[in-house]
Protein backbone atom coordinates (compact mmCIF):
# COMPACT_ATOMS: atom_id res chain seq x y z
CA MET A 1 140.24 90.56 125.73
CA LYS A 2 138.62 86.93 127.30
CA GLU A 3 139.16 88.13 130.57
CA THR A 4 137.79 91.76 129.94
CA GLU A 5 134.52 90.09 128.57
CA GLY A 6 134.09 87.69 131.12
CA PHE A 7 134.47 90.60 133.86
CA SER A 8 131.73 93.08 132.18
CA ILE A 9 129.31 89.89 131.95
CA ARG A 10 129.87 89.20 135.41
CA LEU A 11 129.53 92.72 136.43
CA PHE A 12 126.11 92.92 134.30
CA ALA A 13 125.03 89.85 135.91
CA GLU A 14 125.66 91.25 139.43
CA LYS A 15 123.73 94.08 138.28
CA CYS A 16 120.95 92.18 137.54
CA LYS A 17 120.17 90.84 140.68
CA GLY A 18 116.91 91.91 142.57
CA LYS A 19 113.69 93.14 141.30
CA GLN A 20 115.42 96.71 139.89
CA GLY A 21 118.15 94.46 138.03
CA ARG A 22 115.26 92.26 136.66
CA ALA A 23 113.59 95.59 135.57
CA ARG A 24 116.51 96.95 134.00
CA LEU A 25 117.28 93.71 131.97
CA ALA A 26 113.36 93.88 130.73
CA ALA A 27 113.92 97.80 130.00
CA ALA A 28 117.00 96.82 128.11
CA VAL A 29 115.90 93.93 125.84
CA GLY A 30 112.48 95.78 125.01
CA LEU A 31 115.07 98.63 124.04
CA LEU A 32 116.98 96.46 121.39
CA ALA A 33 113.77 94.63 120.25
CA MET A 34 112.59 98.25 119.40
CA LEU A 35 116.03 99.18 117.93
CA LEU A 36 116.01 96.24 115.84
CA ILE A 37 112.61 96.97 114.51
CA LEU A 38 113.58 100.23 113.69
CA LEU A 39 116.44 99.28 111.67
CA SER A 40 114.19 96.76 109.41
CA GLU A 41 112.39 99.56 108.84
CA LEU A 42 114.99 101.98 107.77
CA PHE A 43 116.83 99.47 105.91
CA PRO A 44 114.27 97.37 103.73
CA GLN A 45 114.84 94.52 101.84
CA PRO A 46 114.81 95.35 97.97
CA SER A 47 111.59 93.49 96.67
CA ALA A 48 112.15 92.42 93.27
CA ALA A 49 108.28 90.79 92.94
CA GLY A 50 106.87 94.41 93.50
CA SER A 51 109.23 95.68 90.69
CA THR A 52 108.77 92.96 88.31
CA GLN A 53 104.60 92.76 88.66
CA LYS A 54 104.69 96.25 88.16
CA ALA A 55 106.63 96.20 84.80
CA LYS A 56 104.65 93.03 83.85
CA SER A 57 101.34 95.21 84.33
CA THR A 58 102.95 97.94 82.04
CA GLN A 59 103.86 95.26 79.44
CA SER A 60 100.77 93.54 79.77
CA ASN A 61 98.87 97.14 79.11
CA THR A 62 101.00 97.77 76.09
CA GLU A 63 100.67 94.26 74.57
CA TYR A 64 96.83 94.29 75.16
CA GLN A 65 96.76 97.74 73.55
CA ALA A 66 98.96 96.80 70.41
CA GLN A 67 96.73 93.16 70.26
CA LEU A 68 93.33 95.28 70.36
CA GLU A 69 94.78 97.67 67.47
CA GLU A 70 96.15 94.97 65.11
CA ARG A 71 92.67 92.75 65.56
CA LEU A 72 90.71 96.06 64.92
CA GLU A 73 93.21 97.08 61.81
CA ARG A 74 92.49 93.28 60.14
CA LEU A 75 88.85 93.33 60.88
CA ILE A 76 88.09 96.82 59.44
CA SER A 77 90.65 96.65 56.56
CA HIS A 78 88.33 93.24 55.39
CA MET A 79 85.15 95.35 55.15
CA SER A 80 83.92 96.11 52.00
CA GLY A 81 85.17 99.60 51.26
CA ALA A 82 87.52 100.10 54.04
CA GLY A 83 90.76 99.86 52.30
CA LYS A 84 94.06 99.93 54.01
CA THR A 85 93.37 100.94 57.64
CA THR A 86 95.82 102.03 60.60
CA VAL A 87 94.00 101.68 64.03
CA MET A 88 94.85 103.59 67.44
CA VAL A 89 93.64 102.70 70.89
CA THR A 90 93.46 104.56 74.05
CA LEU A 91 93.30 102.91 77.16
CA GLY A 92 91.64 105.09 80.45
CA THR A 93 92.92 102.79 82.89
CA GLY A 94 95.59 99.92 83.41
CA GLU A 95 94.97 96.58 84.27
CA GLU A 96 92.86 96.38 87.83
CA VAL A 97 93.55 93.25 89.99
CA ILE A 98 90.96 92.39 92.64
CA TYR A 99 92.60 90.45 95.39
CA ALA A 100 90.75 87.89 97.52
CA LEU A 101 89.15 89.05 100.76
CA ASP A 102 88.77 86.80 104.17
CA THR A 103 85.90 88.16 106.36
CA GLN A 104 85.79 87.24 109.88
CA SER A 105 82.85 88.25 111.61
CA GLY A 106 82.07 88.59 115.12
CA ASP A 107 78.44 89.50 117.20
CA LEU A 108 79.40 93.35 117.16
CA GLN A 109 81.66 93.55 113.88
CA SER A 110 83.38 91.96 111.14
CA GLN A 111 86.95 92.17 109.87
CA GLN A 112 88.27 91.71 106.54
CA THR A 113 91.76 90.75 105.66
CA HIS A 114 93.74 89.66 102.24
CA VAL A 115 94.25 85.87 101.69
CA LEU A 116 98.34 85.74 101.66
CA LEU A 117 100.11 83.11 100.13
CA GLU A 118 103.48 81.46 101.43
CA ASP A 119 105.48 83.90 99.97
CA GLY A 120 103.87 87.08 101.39
CA SER A 121 102.19 87.99 98.14
CA ALA A 122 98.02 88.42 98.19
CA LEU A 123 95.63 85.94 96.51
CA THR A 124 94.72 87.06 93.05
CA GLU A 125 90.71 86.70 92.70
CA THR A 126 90.00 88.43 89.41
CA VAL A 127 92.12 90.74 86.65
CA CYS A 128 89.93 93.23 84.97
CA VAL A 129 91.38 94.14 81.46
CA PRO A 130 92.26 97.99 80.71
CA GLN A 131 89.13 100.19 79.76
CA VAL A 132 89.32 101.34 76.58
CA CYS A 133 88.33 105.16 76.42
CA GLY A 134 88.38 106.46 72.58
CA VAL A 135 89.41 104.68 68.78
CA ALA A 136 90.82 106.23 66.05
CA VAL A 137 90.28 104.70 62.60
CA LEU A 138 92.02 105.88 59.53
CA CYS A 139 91.19 104.19 56.37
CA GLU A 140 90.99 104.79 52.44
CA GLY A 141 87.19 104.53 52.47
CA GLY A 142 86.95 106.81 56.05
CA GLY A 143 85.64 109.97 53.55
CA ASP A 144 82.30 107.98 52.42
CA VAL A 145 79.94 108.75 55.25
CA ARG A 146 78.22 105.33 55.14
CA ILE A 147 81.56 103.46 55.46
CA ALA A 148 82.60 105.47 58.22
CA ALA A 149 79.47 104.97 59.91
CA ARG A 150 79.59 101.18 59.62
CA ILE A 151 83.12 101.12 61.19
CA THR A 152 81.71 103.43 63.59
CA GLU A 153 78.93 100.85 64.15
CA LEU A 154 81.09 98.07 64.19
CA VAL A 155 83.55 99.21 66.90
CA SER A 156 80.88 100.46 69.19
CA ALA A 157 79.33 97.17 69.16
CA LEU A 158 82.87 95.59 69.56
CA LEU A 159 84.26 97.70 72.34
CA ASP A 160 80.84 98.94 73.92
CA LEU A 161 81.90 102.37 73.29
CA PRO A 162 79.56 105.29 72.48
CA SER A 163 79.97 106.54 69.05
CA ASN A 164 81.54 109.91 70.21
CA HIS A 165 84.51 108.27 71.63
CA ILE A 166 84.94 106.15 68.28
CA CYS A 167 86.68 108.84 65.30
CA VAL A 168 86.94 107.38 61.21
CA GLU A 169 88.77 109.74 59.16
CA GLN A 170 90.11 109.38 55.59
CA ARG A 171 93.64 107.99 55.05
CA LYS A 172 96.51 109.70 53.23
CA GLY A 173 97.09 107.90 50.42
């Protein structure tokens, strides 16, 4: 087996002598490099960090929504006349992440690229909480127009929502 391997290497080395041989060798090496690049793109490494980041973001949105609902329920139930309260908050967008940019300026043009960390992930500059779209409040005092108006005013001020995105209704028994 070693004789056959040695023979094929010698045969290849003899073919690579001269200008034509070097050109063939360069073409073979280039072709092999392109093939390796293609294979690396076809079979990407599993990215545990990317899927973990998505799961973390979804969990974070759900936690934020639940925490916001709980805090509003506690606050509204302490209002005079509101009574037992249930709150539902809807979020319009997910958590928004803004990544740091590096700007390189030249005489004629400028170029912006994301700042990358050693592990290959982008440097996070700002994380914006999800935007609240609407709030529904069910409380024992929701049937009283004055109490409903005060609750609407409170929620509007806290969340910077227009009053037409807040609904206050009477809670059943």
